[in-house]
């Protein structure tokens, strides 16, 4: 299965705002949950939870 970048970005754009904001930072190159927590001021657990929910939703949307 090969995904088009545009499809992935469109799926990210459809995420709820808190998830979309974190995934935007991941797309920009920040992949460490600890660094994301520092840069956003969110607790690490919140970052990890939102990323997990975002990834699960993207898997469903993109059927991967």
Protein backbone atom coordinates (compact mmCIF):
# COMPACT_ATOMS: atom_id res chain seq x y z
CA UNK A 1 0.00 0.00 0.00
CA UNK A 2 1.39 3.36 -0.99
CA UNK A 3 -0.01 6.58 0.41
CA UNK A 4 0.07 9.90 -1.32
CA UNK A 5 1.50 12.72 0.79
CA UNK A 6 -1.49 14.90 -0.06
CA UNK A 7 -3.87 12.20 1.24
CA UNK A 8 -1.95 11.98 4.50
CA UNK A 9 -1.87 15.75 4.97
CA UNK A 10 -5.60 15.95 4.21
CA UNK A 11 -6.31 13.24 6.79
CA UNK A 12 -4.24 15.14 9.36
CA UNK A 13 -6.19 18.31 8.55
CA UNK A 14 -9.40 16.47 9.49
CA UNK A 15 -8.20 15.52 12.98
CA UNK A 16 -9.59 17.34 16.03
CA UNK A 17 -7.61 20.52 16.67
CA UNK A 18 -5.52 19.30 19.65
CA UNK A 19 -4.46 16.18 17.72
CA UNK A 20 -3.95 18.14 14.49
CA UNK A 21 -1.65 20.62 16.22
CA UNK A 22 0.59 17.89 17.60
CA UNK A 23 0.65 15.97 14.33
CA UNK A 24 1.60 19.19 12.57
CA UNK A 25 4.67 19.39 14.79
CA UNK A 26 5.46 15.75 14.02
CA UNK A 27 5.17 16.43 10.28
CA UNK A 28 7.53 19.38 10.76
CA UNK A 29 10.10 16.97 12.17
CA UNK A 30 9.58 16.83 15.93
CA UNK A 31 9.08 13.19 16.83
CA UNK A 32 10.00 13.07 20.50
CA UNK A 33 6.94 13.14 22.78
CA UNK A 34 9.10 14.68 25.51
CA UNK A 35 10.21 17.50 23.19
CA UNK A 36 6.60 18.01 22.07
CA UNK A 37 5.53 18.28 25.71
CA UNK A 38 8.24 20.86 26.37
CA UNK A 39 7.44 22.94 23.28
CA UNK A 40 3.66 22.93 23.86
CA UNK A 41 3.64 23.09 27.66
CA UNK A 42 1.37 20.03 27.77
CA UNK A 43 1.96 17.16 30.19
CA UNK A 44 3.83 14.24 28.61
CA UNK A 45 0.88 11.90 29.19
CA UNK A 46 -1.46 14.27 27.34
CA UNK A 47 0.93 14.46 24.39
CA UNK A 48 1.27 10.69 24.23
CA UNK A 49 -2.49 10.16 24.51
CA UNK A 50 -3.29 12.68 21.79
CA UNK A 51 -0.66 11.24 19.46
CA UNK A 52 -1.97 7.71 20.01
CA UNK A 53 -5.53 8.81 19.26
CA UNK A 54 -4.37 10.74 16.19
CA UNK A 55 -2.42 7.76 14.85
CA UNK A 56 -5.38 5.43 15.44
CA UNK A 57 -7.73 7.79 13.63
CA UNK A 58 -5.28 8.20 10.74
CA UNK A 59 -4.99 4.41 10.39
CA UNK A 60 -8.76 4.19 10.06
CA UNK A 61 -9.03 7.13 7.69
CA UNK A 62 -6.15 6.01 5.48
CA UNK A 63 -6.97 2.30 5.87
CA UNK A 64 -3.40 1.28 6.76
